[in-house]
C-alpha cells in the first residue's frame, strides 16, 4: 500500500466521521426533543432542538472540510482539484457561518452575551 493510498483512506475516514457526527447528532437531538417536548415551556424545547441540531451539523461540516483538504491537497494535487476544493471550502464555510448565526444568534467572532466580561 502506497503512502497516497493511506492518506486517501484517512481522508475518507475523517469524512465518514463527519457524516457520523451529523447522523448521531441529529438522532440524539431528536430523541431529546421528543422526550422534553411536553416537559419544557412552549418554544424552549424547539429552540433547544434547533440549537443542538445546528451544532451537530456545524461540527460535521468541520470534519467534512478536513477530509476534503486531506484528500485533495495530499492525494490529488492538480490545480483543478485545488480549485474545486476551494469552492467546496467556501460553500461549507458559508454554511457553517450562517448556521452559527442561526443557532447562536451572533457571528462566531462576536462575544457571547452570557460570557463574563
PDB file of N, CA and C in Angstrom:
ATOM      1  N   UNK A   1       0.845  -1.178   0.000  1.00  0.00           N
ATOM      2  CA  UNK A   1       0.000   0.000   0.000  1.00  0.00           C
ATOM      3  C   UNK A   1       0.890   1.242   0.000  1.00  0.00           C
ATOM      4  N   UNK A   2       0.605   2.154  -0.912  1.00  0.00           N
ATOM      5  CA  UNK A   2       1.394   3.369  -1.033  1.00  0.00           C
ATOM      6  C   UNK A   2       0.949   4.413  -0.021  1.00  0.00           C
ATOM      7  N   UNK A   3       1.830   5.404   0.179  1.00  0.00           N
ATOM      8  CA  UNK A   3       1.543   6.489   1.119  1.00  0.00           C
ATOM      9  C   UNK A   3       0.281   7.246   0.716  1.00  0.00           C
ATOM     10  N   UNK A   4       0.120   7.515  -0.580  1.00  0.00           N
ATOM     11  CA  UNK A   4      -1.061   8.261  -1.045  1.00  0.00           C
ATOM     12  C   UNK A   4      -2.349   7.485  -0.787  1.00  0.00           C
ATOM     13  N   UNK A   5      -2.278   6.150  -0.849  1.00  0.00           N
ATOM     14  CA  UNK A   5      -3.451   5.331  -0.531  1.00  0.00           C
ATOM     15  C   UNK A   5      -3.841   5.469   0.934  1.00  0.00           C
ATOM     16  N   UNK A   6      -2.844   5.466   1.807  1.00  0.00           N
ATOM     17  CA  UNK A   6      -3.088   5.605   3.248  1.00  0.00           C
ATOM     18  C   UNK A   6      -3.713   6.967   3.537  1.00  0.00           C
ATOM     19  N   UNK A   7      -3.174   8.025   2.918  1.00  0.00           N
ATOM     20  CA  UNK A   7      -3.699   9.370   3.125  1.00  0.00           C
ATOM     21  C   UNK A   7      -5.122   9.481   2.584  1.00  0.00           C
ATOM     22  N   UNK A   8      -5.371   8.872   1.441  1.00  0.00           N
ATOM     23  CA  UNK A   8      -6.716   8.883   0.863  1.00  0.00           C
ATOM     24  C   UNK A   8      -7.710   8.191   1.794  1.00  0.00           C
ATOM     25  N   UNK A   9      -7.315   7.054   2.334  1.00  0.00           N
ATOM     26  CA  UNK A   9      -8.178   6.330   3.275  1.00  0.00           C
ATOM     27  C   UNK A   9      -8.419   7.168   4.523  1.00  0.00           C
ATOM     28  N   UNK A  10      -7.378   7.848   5.004  1.00  0.00           N
ATOM     29  CA  UNK A  10      -7.530   8.719   6.173  1.00  0.00           C
ATOM     30  C   UNK A  10      -8.517   9.845   5.873  1.00  0.00           C
ATOM     31  N   UNK A  11      -8.438  10.436   4.682  1.00  0.00           N
ATOM     32  CA  UNK A  11      -9.375  11.489   4.291  1.00  0.00           C
ATOM     33  C   UNK A  11     -10.808  10.999   4.270  1.00  0.00           C
ATOM     34  N   UNK A  12     -11.007   9.816   3.673  1.00  0.00           N
ATOM     35  CA  UNK A  12     -12.357   9.241   3.651  1.00  0.00           C
ATOM     36  C   UNK A  12     -12.839   8.900   5.063  1.00  0.00           C
ATOM     37  N   UNK A  13     -11.935   8.425   5.909  1.00  0.00           N
ATOM     38  CA  UNK A  13     -12.315   8.094   7.287  1.00  0.00           C
ATOM     39  C   UNK A  13     -12.758   9.349   8.044  1.00  0.00           C
ATOM     40  N   UNK A  14     -12.037  10.450   7.851  1.00  0.00           N
ATOM     41  CA  UNK A  14     -12.410  11.700   8.517  1.00  0.00           C
ATOM     42  C   UNK A  14     -13.750  12.194   7.991  1.00  0.00           C
ATOM     43  N   UNK A  15     -13.987  12.065   6.693  1.00  0.00           N
ATOM     44  CA  UNK A  15     -15.286  12.442   6.139  1.00  0.00           C
ATOM     45  C   UNK A  15     -16.394  11.544   6.691  1.00  0.00           C
ATOM     46  N   UNK A  16     -16.105  10.265   6.860  1.00  0.00           N
ATOM     47  CA  UNK A  16     -17.094   9.349   7.435  1.00  0.00           C
ATOM     48  C   UNK A  16     -17.434   9.753   8.861  1.00  0.00           C
ATOM     49  N   UNK A  17     -16.428  10.196   9.618  1.00  0.00           N
ATOM     50  CA  UNK A  17     -16.672  10.681  10.979  1.00  0.00           C
ATOM     51  C   UNK A  17     -17.598  11.901  10.927  1.00  0.00           C
ATOM     52  N   UNK A  18     -17.390  12.778   9.950  1.00  0.00           N
ATOM     53  CA  UNK A  18     -18.248  13.950   9.790  1.00  0.00           C
ATOM     54  C   UNK A  18     -19.697  13.564   9.539  1.00  0.00           C
ATOM     55  N   UNK A  19     -19.909  12.600   8.662  1.00  0.00           N
ATOM     56  CA  UNK A  19     -21.266  12.123   8.384  1.00  0.00           C
ATOM     57  C   UNK A  19     -21.852  11.478   9.643  1.00  0.00           C
ATOM     58  N   UNK A  20     -21.041  10.697  10.340  1.00  0.00           N
ATOM     59  CA  UNK A  20     -21.494  10.049  11.568  1.00  0.00           C
ATOM     60  C   UNK A  20     -21.879  11.081  12.632  1.00  0.00           C
ATOM     61  N   UNK A  21     -21.103  12.150  12.747  1.00  0.00           N
ATOM     62  CA  UNK A  21     -21.418  13.211  13.708  1.00  0.00           C
ATOM     63  C   UNK A  21     -22.776  13.828  13.391  1.00  0.00           C
ATOM     64  N   UNK A  22     -23.031  14.098  12.117  1.00  0.00           N
ATOM     65  CA  UNK A  22     -24.315  14.689  11.734  1.00  0.00           C
ATOM     66  C   UNK A  22     -25.463  13.724  12.009  1.00  0.00           C
ATOM     67  N   UNK A  23     -25.291  12.457  11.643  1.00  0.00           N
ATOM     68  CA  UNK A  23     -26.361  11.470  11.824  1.00  0.00           C
ATOM     69  C   UNK A  23     -26.640  11.233  13.310  1.00  0.00           C
ATOM     70  N   UNK A  24     -25.588  10.961  14.089  1.00  0.00           N
ATOM     71  CA  UNK A  24     -25.771  10.686  15.517  1.00  0.00           C
ATOM     72  C   UNK A  24     -26.276  11.943  16.235  1.00  0.00           C
ATOM     73  N   UNK A  25     -25.723  13.098  15.887  1.00  0.00           N
ATOM     74  CA  UNK A  25     -26.186  14.342  16.499  1.00  0.00           C
ATOM     75  C   UNK A  25     -27.647  14.614  16.198  1.00  0.00           C
ATOM     76  N   UNK A  26     -28.071  14.331  14.976  1.00  0.00           N
ATOM     77  CA  UNK A  26     -29.475  14.515  14.603  1.00  0.00           C
ATOM     78  C   UNK A  26     -30.376  13.566  15.381  1.00  0.00           C
ATOM     79  N   UNK A  27     -29.941  12.329  15.491  1.00  0.00           N
ATOM     80  CA  UNK A  27     -30.739  11.350  16.230  1.00  0.00           C
ATOM     81  C   UNK A  27     -30.829  11.704  17.715  1.00  0.00           C
ATOM     82  N   UNK A  28     -29.701  12.074  18.317  1.00  0.00           N
ATOM     83  CA  UNK A  28     -29.717  12.439  19.734  1.00  0.00           C
ATOM     84  C   UNK A  28     -30.548  13.693  19.973  1.00  0.00           C
ATOM     85  N   UNK A  29     -30.396  14.690  19.115  1.00  0.00           N
ATOM     86  CA  UNK A  29     -31.178  15.914  19.251  1.00  0.00           C
ATOM     87  C   UNK A  29     -32.670  15.615  19.150  1.00  0.00           C
ATOM     88  N   UNK A  30     -33.024  14.771  18.201  1.00  0.00           N
ATOM     89  CA  UNK A  30     -34.432  14.405  18.030  1.00  0.00           C
ATOM     90  C   UNK A  30     -34.954  13.639  19.234  1.00  0.00           C
ATOM     91  N   UNK A  31     -34.152  12.729  19.756  1.00  0.00           N
ATOM     92  CA  UNK A  31     -34.553  11.949  20.927  1.00  0.00           C
ATOM     93  C   UNK A  31     -34.784  12.857  22.134  1.00  0.00           C
ATOM     94  N   UNK A  32     -33.864  13.779  22.363  1.00  0.00           N
ATOM     95  CA  UNK A  32     -34.000  14.712  23.483  1.00  0.00           C
ATOM     96  C   UNK A  32     -35.216  15.606  23.279  1.00  0.00           C
ATOM     97  N   UNK A  33     -35.453  16.036  22.051  1.00  0.00           N
ATOM     98  CA  UNK A  33     -36.615  16.875  21.761  1.00  0.00           C
ATOM     99  C   UNK A  33     -37.914  16.144  22.069  1.00  0.00           C
ATOM    100  N   UNK A  34     -38.029  14.917  21.599  1.00  0.00           N
ATOM    101  CA  UNK A  34     -39.254  14.141  21.824  1.00  0.00           C
ATOM    102  C   UNK A  34     -39.468  13.911  23.325  1.00  0.00           C
ATOM    103  N   UNK A  35     -38.396  13.615  24.045  1.00  0.00           N
ATOM    104  CA  UNK A  35     -38.511  13.386  25.491  1.00  0.00           C
ATOM    105  C   UNK A  35     -38.895  14.641  26.259  1.00  0.00           C
ATOM    106  N   UNK A  36     -38.372  15.792  25.844  1.00  0.00           N
ATOM    107  CA  UNK A  36     -38.575  17.006  26.627  1.00  0.00           C
ATOM    108  C   UNK A  36     -39.699  17.891  26.095  1.00  0.00           C
ATOM    109  N   UNK A  37     -40.357  17.474  25.006  1.00  0.00           N
ATOM    110  CA  UNK A  37     -41.352  18.317  24.355  1.00  0.00           C
ATOM    111  C   UNK A  37     -42.472  18.739  25.305  1.00  0.00           C
ATOM    112  N   UNK A  38     -42.986  17.820  26.073  1.00  0.00           N
ATOM    113  CA  UNK A  38     -44.115  18.126  26.959  1.00  0.00           C
ATOM    114  C   UNK A  38     -43.672  18.654  28.320  1.00  0.00           C
ATOM    115  N   UNK A  39     -42.411  18.514  28.657  1.00  0.00           N
ATOM    116  CA  UNK A  39     -41.933  18.918  29.977  1.00  0.00           C
ATOM    117  C   UNK A  39     -41.459  20.363  30.022  1.00  0.00           C
ATOM    118  N   UNK A  40     -40.983  20.896  28.910  1.00  0.00           N
ATOM    119  CA  UNK A  40     -40.445  22.251  28.882  1.00  0.00           C
ATOM    120  C   UNK A  40     -41.519  23.249  28.450  1.00  0.00           C
ATOM    121  N   UNK A  41     -41.363  24.515  28.848  1.00  0.00           N
ATOM    122  CA  UNK A  41     -42.324  25.531  28.403  1.00  0.00           C
ATOM    123  C   UNK A  41     -42.356  25.637  26.876  1.00  0.00           C
ATOM    124  N   UNK A  42     -43.458  26.171  26.375  1.00  0.00           N
ATOM    125  CA  UNK A  42     -43.658  26.268  24.932  1.00  0.00           C
ATOM    126  C   UNK A  42     -42.520  27.035  24.258  1.00  0.00           C
ATOM    127  N   UNK A  43     -41.977  26.471  23.222  1.00  0.00           N
ATOM    128  CA  UNK A  43     -40.922  27.115  22.457  1.00  0.00           C
ATOM    129  C   UNK A  43     -39.513  26.787  22.926  1.00  0.00           C
ATOM    130  N   UNK A  44     -39.338  26.489  24.193  1.00  0.00           N
ATOM    131  CA  UNK A  44     -37.996  26.198  24.724  1.00  0.00           C
ATOM    132  C   UNK A  44     -37.468  24.888  24.137  1.00  0.00           C
ATOM    133  N   UNK A  45     -38.308  23.863  24.091  1.00  0.00           N
ATOM    134  CA  UNK A  45     -37.879  22.572  23.553  1.00  0.00           C
ATOM    135  C   UNK A  45     -37.476  22.705  22.087  1.00  0.00           C
ATOM    136  N   UNK A  46     -38.242  23.471  21.329  1.00  0.00           N
ATOM    137  CA  UNK A  46     -37.937  23.660  19.907  1.00  0.00           C
ATOM    138  C   UNK A  46     -36.631  24.423  19.718  1.00  0.00           C
ATOM    139  N   UNK A  47     -36.441  25.505  20.468  1.00  0.00           N
ATOM    140  CA  UNK A  47     -35.195  26.280  20.346  1.00  0.00           C
ATOM    141  C   UNK A  47     -33.986  25.445  20.754  1.00  0.00           C
ATOM    142  N   UNK A  48     -34.133  24.644  21.806  1.00  0.00           N
ATOM    143  CA  UNK A  48     -33.050  23.762  22.237  1.00  0.00           C
ATOM    144  C   UNK A  48     -32.747  22.717  21.160  1.00  0.00           C
ATOM    145  N   UNK A  49     -33.791  22.181  20.568  1.00  0.00           N
ATOM    146  CA  UNK A  49     -33.635  21.197  19.494  1.00  0.00           C
ATOM    147  C   UNK A  49     -32.887  21.795  18.311  1.00  0.00           C
ATOM    148  N   UNK A  50     -33.301  22.985  17.884  1.00  0.00           N
ATOM    149  CA  UNK A  50     -32.629  23.644  16.761  1.00  0.00           C
ATOM    150  C   UNK A  50     -31.175  23.923  17.075  1.00  0.00           C
ATOM    151  N   UNK A  51     -30.896  24.363  18.283  1.00  0.00           N
ATOM    152  CA  UNK A  51     -29.516  24.675  18.672  1.00  0.00           C
ATOM    153  C   UNK A  51     -28.655  23.411  18.658  1.00  0.00           C
ATOM    154  N   UNK A  52     -29.151  22.320  19.234  1.00  0.00           N
ATOM    155  CA  UNK A  52     -28.380  21.073  19.268  1.00  0.00           C
ATOM    156  C   UNK A  52     -28.195  20.510  17.861  1.00  0.00           C
ATOM    157  N   UNK A  53     -29.244  20.553  17.069  1.00  0.00           N
ATOM    158  CA  UNK A  53     -29.154  20.049  15.701  1.00  0.00           C
ATOM    159  C   UNK A  53     -28.174  20.881  14.871  1.00  0.00           C
ATOM    160  N   UNK A  54     -28.247  22.195  15.000  1.00  0.00           N
ATOM    161  CA  UNK A  54     -27.324  23.074  14.282  1.00  0.00           C
ATOM    162  C   UNK A  54     -25.885  22.845  14.674  1.00  0.00           C
ATOM    163  N   UNK A  55     -25.641  22.647  15.953  1.00  0.00           N
ATOM    164  CA  UNK A  55     -24.268  22.384  16.404  1.00  0.00           C
ATOM    165  C   UNK A  55     -23.742  21.069  15.851  1.00  0.00           C
ATOM    166  N   UNK A  56     -24.598  20.068  15.753  1.00  0.00           N
ATOM    167  CA  UNK A  56     -24.178  18.789  15.157  1.00  0.00           C
ATOM    168  C   UNK A  56     -23.797  18.970  13.701  1.00  0.00           C
ATOM    169  N   UNK A  57     -24.595  19.733  12.979  1.00  0.00           N
ATOM    170  CA  UNK A  57     -24.319  19.963  11.565  1.00  0.00           C
ATOM    171  C   UNK A  57     -23.021  20.746  11.397  1.00  0.00           C
ATOM    172  N   UNK A  58     -22.824  21.779  12.222  1.00  0.00           N
ATOM    173  CA  UNK A  58     -21.603  22.585  12.128  1.00  0.00           C
ATOM    174  C   UNK A  58     -20.371  21.729  12.399  1.00  0.00           C
ATOM    175  N   UNK A  59     -20.424  20.900  13.443  1.00  0.00           N
ATOM    176  CA  UNK A  59     -19.287  20.037  13.756  1.00  0.00           C
ATOM    177  C   UNK A  59     -19.040  19.029  12.641  1.00  0.00           C
ATOM    178  N   UNK A  60     -20.099  18.459  12.090  1.00  0.00           N
ATOM    179  CA  UNK A  60     -19.946  17.533  10.973  1.00  0.00           C
ATOM    180  C   UNK A  60     -19.322  18.202   9.762  1.00  0.00           C
ATOM    181  N   UNK A  61     -19.713  19.457   9.487  1.00  0.00           N
ATOM    182  CA  UNK A  61     -19.116  20.194   8.369  1.00  0.00           C
ATOM    183  C   UNK A  61     -17.615  20.386   8.554  1.00  0.00           C
ATOM    184  N   UNK A  62     -17.187  20.626   9.777  1.00  0.00           N
ATOM    185  CA  UNK A  62     -15.751  20.788  10.045  1.00  0.00           C
ATOM    186  C   UNK A  62     -14.981  19.522   9.683  1.00  0.00           C
ATOM    187  N   UNK A  63     -15.514  18.365  10.062  1.00  0.00           N
ATOM    188  CA  UNK A  63     -14.865  17.099   9.710  1.00  0.00           C
ATOM    189  C   UNK A  63     -14.863  16.887   8.196  1.00  0.00           C
ATOM    190  N   UNK A  64     -15.971  17.223   7.534  1.00  0.00           N
ATOM    191  CA  UNK A  64     -16.040  17.053   6.087  1.00  0.00           C
ATOM    192  C   UNK A  64     -15.022  17.936   5.372  1.00  0.00           C
ATOM    193  N   UNK A  65     -14.860  19.161   5.840  1.00  0.00           N
ATOM    194  CA  UNK A  65     -13.852  20.053   5.250  1.00  0.00           C
ATOM    195  C   UNK A  65     -12.453  19.482   5.452  1.00  0.00           C
ATOM    196  N   UNK A  66     -12.183  18.992   6.669  1.00  0.00           N
ATOM    197  CA  UNK A  66     -10.854  18.417   6.939  1.00  0.00           C
ATOM    198  C   UNK A  66     -10.569  17.233   6.020  1.00  0.00           C
ATOM    199  N   UNK A  67     -11.552  16.365   5.844  1.00  0.00           N
ATOM    200  CA  UNK A  67     -11.371  15.219   4.956  1.00  0.00           C
ATOM    201  C   UNK A  67     -11.123  15.638   3.515  1.00  0.00           C
ATOM    202  N   UNK A  68     -11.860  16.653   3.056  1.00  0.00           N
ATOM    203  CA  UNK A  68     -11.648  17.164   1.698  1.00  0.00           C
ATOM    204  C   UNK A  68     -10.250  17.731   1.521  1.00  0.00           C
ATOM    205  N   UNK A  69      -9.796  18.477   2.512  1.00  0.00           N
ATOM    206  CA  UNK A  69      -8.454  19.062   2.420  1.00  0.00           C
ATOM    207  C   UNK A  69      -7.397  17.971   2.326  1.00  0.00           C
ATOM    208  N   UNK A  70      -7.492  16.985   3.171  1.00  0.00           N
ATOM    209  CA  UNK A  70      -6.503  15.897   3.176  1.00  0.00           C
ATOM    210  C   UNK A  70      -6.499  15.168   1.839  1.00  0.00           C
ATOM    211  N   UNK A  71      -7.663  14.778   1.369  1.00  0.00           N
ATOM    212  CA  UNK A  71      -7.719  14.012   0.128  1.00  0.00           C
ATOM    213  C   UNK A  71      -7.304  14.826  -1.088  1.00  0.00           C
ATOM    214  N   UNK A  72      -7.704  16.084  -1.151  1.00  0.00           N
ATOM    215  CA  UNK A  72      -7.438  16.877  -2.347  1.00  0.00           C
ATOM    216  C   UNK A  72      -6.006  17.375  -2.410  1.00  0.00           C
ATOM    217  N   UNK A  73      -5.517  17.959  -1.341  1.00  0.00           N
ATOM    218  CA  UNK A  73      -4.189  18.558  -1.374  1.00  0.00           C
ATOM    219  C   UNK A  73      -3.095  17.500  -1.356  1.00  0.00           C
ATOM    220  N   UNK A  74      -3.242  16.486  -0.560  1.00  0.00           N
ATOM    221  CA  UNK A  74      -2.200  15.477  -0.417  1.00  0.00           C
ATOM    222  C   UNK A  74      -2.239  14.460  -1.552  1.00  0.00           C
ATOM    223  N   UNK A  75      -3.430  13.998  -1.891  1.00  0.00           N
ATOM    224  CA  UNK A  75      -3.533  12.900  -2.852  1.00  0.00           C
ATOM    225  C   UNK A  75      -3.601  13.398  -4.295  1.00  0.00           C
ATOM    226  N   UNK A  76      -4.492  14.324  -4.582  1.00  0.00           N
ATOM    227  CA  UNK A  76      -4.691  14.799  -5.954  1.00  0.00           C
ATOM    228  C   UNK A  76      -4.379  16.285  -6.010  1.00  0.00           C
ATOM    229  N   UNK A  77      -3.130  16.616  -6.231  1.00  0.00           N
ATOM    230  CA  UNK A  77      -2.682  18.000  -6.115  1.00  0.00           C
ATOM    231  C   UNK A  77      -2.631  18.739  -7.457  1.00  0.00           C
ATOM    232  N   UNK A  78      -3.613  18.510  -8.309  1.00  0.00           N
ATOM    233  CA  UNK A  78      -3.680  19.267  -9.550  1.00  0.00           C
ATOM    234  C   UNK A  78      -4.364  20.602  -9.273  1.00  0.00           C
ATOM    235  N   UNK A  79      -4.130  21.568 -10.128  1.00  0.00           N
ATOM    236  CA  UNK A  79      -4.713  22.898  -9.954  1.00  0.00           C
ATOM    237  C   UNK A  79      -6.242  22.839 -10.013  1.00  0.00           C
ATOM    238  N   UNK A  80      -6.770  22.007 -10.867  1.00  0.00           N
ATOM    239  CA  UNK A  80      -8.229  21.865 -10.974  1.00  0.00           C
ATOM    240  C   UNK A  80      -8.820  21.324  -9.674  1.00  0.00           C
ATOM    241  N   UNK A  81      -8.182  20.312  -9.092  1.00  0.00           N
ATOM    242  CA  UNK A  81      -8.676  19.744  -7.835  1.00  0.00           C
ATOM    243  C   UNK A  81      -8.576  20.744  -6.683  1.00  0.00           C
ATOM    244  N   UNK A  82      -7.516  21.533  -6.663  1.00  0.00           N
ATOM    245  CA  UNK A  82      -7.372  22.549  -5.621  1.00  0.00           C
ATOM    246  C   UNK A  82      -8.445  23.624  -5.786  1.00  0.00           C
ATOM    247  N   UNK A  83      -8.781  23.991  -7.024  1.00  0.00           N
ATOM    248  CA  UNK A  83      -9.840  24.968  -7.262  1.00  0.00           C
ATOM    249  C   UNK A  83     -11.200  24.424  -6.801  1.00  0.00           C
ATOM    250  N   UNK A  84     -11.457  23.169  -7.101  1.00  0.00           N
ATOM    251  CA  UNK A  84     -12.707  22.541  -6.643  1.00  0.00           C
ATOM    252  C   UNK A  84     -12.742  22.509  -5.118  1.00  0.00           C
ATOM    253  N   UNK A  85     -11.613  22.165  -4.502  1.00  0.00           N
ATOM    254  CA  UNK A  85     -11.533  22.163  -3.043  1.00  0.00           C
ATOM    255  C   UNK A  85     -11.823  23.549  -2.484  1.00  0.00           C
ATOM    256  N   UNK A  86     -11.261  24.578  -3.104  1.00  0.00           N
ATOM    257  CA  UNK A  86     -11.511  25.949  -2.656  1.00  0.00           C
ATOM    258  C   UNK A  86     -12.989  26.297  -2.697  1.00  0.00           C
ATOM    259  N   UNK A  87     -13.665  25.909  -3.764  1.00  0.00           N
ATOM    260  CA  UNK A  87     -15.106  26.173  -3.866  1.00  0.00           C
ATOM    261  C   UNK A  87     -15.883  25.401  -2.800  1.00  0.00           C
ATOM    262  N   UNK A  88     -15.518  24.148  -2.578  1.00  0.00           N
ATOM    263  CA  UNK A  88     -16.193  23.346  -1.554  1.00  0.00           C
ATOM    264  C   UNK A  88     -15.998  23.976  -0.182  1.00  0.00           C
ATOM    265  N   UNK A  89     -14.786  24.398   0.112  1.00  0.00           N
ATOM    266  CA  UNK A  89     -14.500  25.013   1.413  1.00  0.00           C
ATOM    267  C   UNK A  89     -15.270  26.322   1.561  1.00  0.00           C
ATOM    268  N   UNK A  90     -15.338  27.130   0.510  1.00  0.00           N
ATOM    269  CA  UNK A  90     -16.106  28.379   0.577  1.00  0.00           C
ATOM    270  C   UNK A  90     -17.581  28.109   0.861  1.00  0.00           C
ATOM    271  N   UNK A  91     -18.145  27.151   0.163  1.00  0.00           N
ATOM    272  CA  UNK A  91     -19.559  26.824   0.362  1.00  0.00           C
ATOM    273  C   UNK A  91     -19.796  26.293   1.767  1.00  0.00           C
ATOM    274  N   UNK A  92     -18.957  25.369   2.218  1.00  0.00           N
ATOM    275  CA  UNK A  92     -19.149  24.788   3.553  1.00  0.00           C
ATOM    276  C   UNK A  92     -18.865  25.805   4.652  1.00  0.00           C
ATOM    277  N   UNK A  93     -17.917  26.697   4.436  1.00  0.00           N
ATOM    278  CA  UNK A  93     -17.650  27.749   5.419  1.00  0.00           C
ATOM    279  C   UNK A  93     -18.830  28.699   5.501  1.00  0.00           C
ATOM    280  N   UNK A  94     -19.384  29.067   4.355  1.00  0.00           N
ATOM    281  CA  UNK A  94     -20.578  29.918   4.345  1.00  0.00           C
ATOM    282  C   UNK A  94     -21.721  29.242   5.093  1.00  0.00           C
ATOM    283  N   UNK A  95     -21.932  27.957   4.829  1.00  0.00           N
ATOM    284  CA  UNK A  95     -22.973  27.218   5.540  1.00  0.00           C
ATOM    285  C   UNK A  95     -22.718  27.210   7.041  1.00  0.00           C
ATOM    286  N   UNK A  96     -21.463  26.969   7.421  1.00  0.00           N
ATOM    287  CA  UNK A  96     -21.112  26.935   8.843  1.00  0.00           C
ATOM    288  C   UNK A  96     -21.349  28.272   9.525  1.00  0.00           C
ATOM    289  N   UNK A  97     -20.967  29.363   8.853  1.00  0.00           N
ATOM    290  CA  UNK A  97     -21.163  30.696   9.432  1.00  0.00           C
ATOM    291  C   UNK A  97     -22.644  31.031   9.572  1.00  0.00           C
ATOM    292  N   UNK A  98     -23.421  30.748   8.529  1.00  0.00           N
ATOM    293  CA  UNK A  98     -24.841  31.057   8.608  1.00  0.00           C
ATOM    294  C   UNK A  98     -25.556  30.165   9.614  1.00  0.00           C
ATOM    295  N   UNK A  99     -25.144  28.910   9.717  1.00  0.00           N
ATOM    296  CA  UNK A  99     -25.731  28.035  10.741  1.00  0.00           C
ATOM    297  C   UNK A  99     -25.382  28.536  12.138  1.00  0.00           C
ATOM    298  N   UNK A 100     -24.145  28.978  12.322  1.00  0.00           N
ATOM    299  CA  UNK A 100     -23.742  29.509  13.629  1.00  0.00           C
ATOM    300  C   UNK A 100     -24.582  30.729  13.982  1.00  0.00           C
ATOM    301  N   UNK A 101     -24.785  31.620  13.022  1.00  0.00           N
ATOM    302  CA  UNK A 101     -25.612  32.802  13.253  1.00  0.00           C
ATOM    303  C   UNK A 101     -27.038  32.395  13.599  1.00  0.00           C
ATOM    304  N   UNK A 102     -27.562  31.413  12.900  1.00  0.00           N
ATOM    305  CA  UNK A 102     -28.926  30.948  13.147  1.00  0.00           C
ATOM    306  C   UNK A 102     -29.058  30.290  14.523  1.00  0.00           C
ATOM    307  N   UNK A 103     -28.083  29.483  14.890  1.00  0.00           N
ATOM    308  CA  UNK A 103     -28.156  28.730  16.145  1.00  0.00           C
ATOM    309  C   UNK A 103     -27.850  29.609  17.349  1.00  0.00           C
ATOM    310  N   UNK A 104     -26.776  30.368  17.272  1.00  0.00           N
ATOM    311  CA  UNK A 104     -26.313  31.137  18.427  1.00  0.00           C
ATOM    312  C   UNK A 104     -26.873  32.558  18.473  1.00  0.00           C
ATOM    313  N   UNK A 105     -27.359  33.059  17.345  1.00  0.00           N
ATOM    314  CA  UNK A 105     -27.878  34.420  17.302  1.00  0.00           C
ATOM    315  C   UNK A 105     -26.792  35.485  17.237  1.00  0.00           C
ATOM    316  N   UNK A 106     -25.580  35.091  16.903  1.00  0.00           N
ATOM    317  CA  UNK A 106     -24.454  36.013  16.791  1.00  0.00           C
ATOM    318  C   UNK A 106     -23.426  35.391  15.854  1.00  0.00           C
ATOM    319  N   UNK A 107     -22.552  36.248  15.325  1.00  0.00           N
ATOM    320  CA  UNK A 107     -21.462  35.756  14.485  1.00  0.00           C
ATOM    321  C   UNK A 107     -20.404  35.092  15.378  1.00  0.00           C
ATOM    322  N   UNK A 108     -19.610  34.183  14.833  1.00  0.00           N
ATOM    323  CA  UNK A 108     -18.611  33.482  15.662  1.00  0.00           C
ATOM    324  C   UNK A 108     -17.597  34.407  16.327  1.00  0.00           C
ATOM    325  N   UNK A 109     -17.299  35.535  15.718  1.00  0.00           N
ATOM    326  CA  UNK A 109     -16.291  36.442  16.275  1.00  0.00           C
ATOM    327  C   UNK A 109     -16.886  37.426  17.285  1.00  0.00           C
ATOM    328  N   UNK A 110     -18.208  37.448  17.433  1.00  0.00           N
ATOM    329  CA  UNK A 110     -18.829  38.315  18.421  1.00  0.00           C
ATOM    330  C   UNK A 110     -18.827  37.630  19.785  1.00  0.00           C
ATOM    331  N   UNK A 111     -18.637  38.410  20.857  1.00  0.00           N
ATOM    332  CA  UNK A 111     -18.629  37.793  22.187  1.00  0.00           C
ATOM    333  C   UNK A 111     -20.017  37.280  22.571  1.00  0.00           C
ATOM    334  N   UNK A 112     -20.028  36.216  23.341  1.00  0.00           N
ATOM    335  CA  UNK A 112     -21.266  35.650  23.839  1.00  0.00           C
ATOM    336  C   UNK A 112     -21.792  36.539  24.957  1.00  0.00           C
ATOM    337  N   UNK A 113     -23.074  36.842  24.928  1.00  0.00           N
ATOM    338  CA  UNK A 113     -23.688  37.710  25.942  1.00  0.00           C
ATOM    339  C   UNK A 113     -23.637  37.080  27.335  1.00  0.00           C
ATOM    340  N   UNK A 114     -23.533  35.754  27.383  1.00  0.00           N
ATOM    341  CA  UNK A 114     -23.517  35.038  28.665  1.00  0.00           C
ATOM    342  C   UNK A 114     -22.123  34.936  29.260  1.00  0.00           C
ATOM    343  N   UNK A 115     -21.098  35.230  28.457  1.00  0.00           N
ATOM    344  CA  UNK A 115     -19.720  35.176  28.978  1.00  0.00           C
ATOM    345  C   UNK A 115     -19.446  36.390  29.855  1.00  0.00           C
ATOM    346  N   UNK A 116     -18.736  36.189  30.969  1.00  0.00           N
ATOM    347  CA  UNK A 116     -18.404  37.348  31.809  1.00  0.00           C
ATOM    348  C   UNK A 116     -17.396  38.239  31.084  1.00  0.00           C
ATOM    349  N   UNK A 117     -17.441  39.560  31.375  1.00  0.00           N
ATOM    350  CA  UNK A 117     -16.521  40.489  30.681  1.00  0.00           C
ATOM    351  C   UNK A 117     -15.071  40.285  31.034  1.00  0.00           C
TER     352      UNK A 117
END
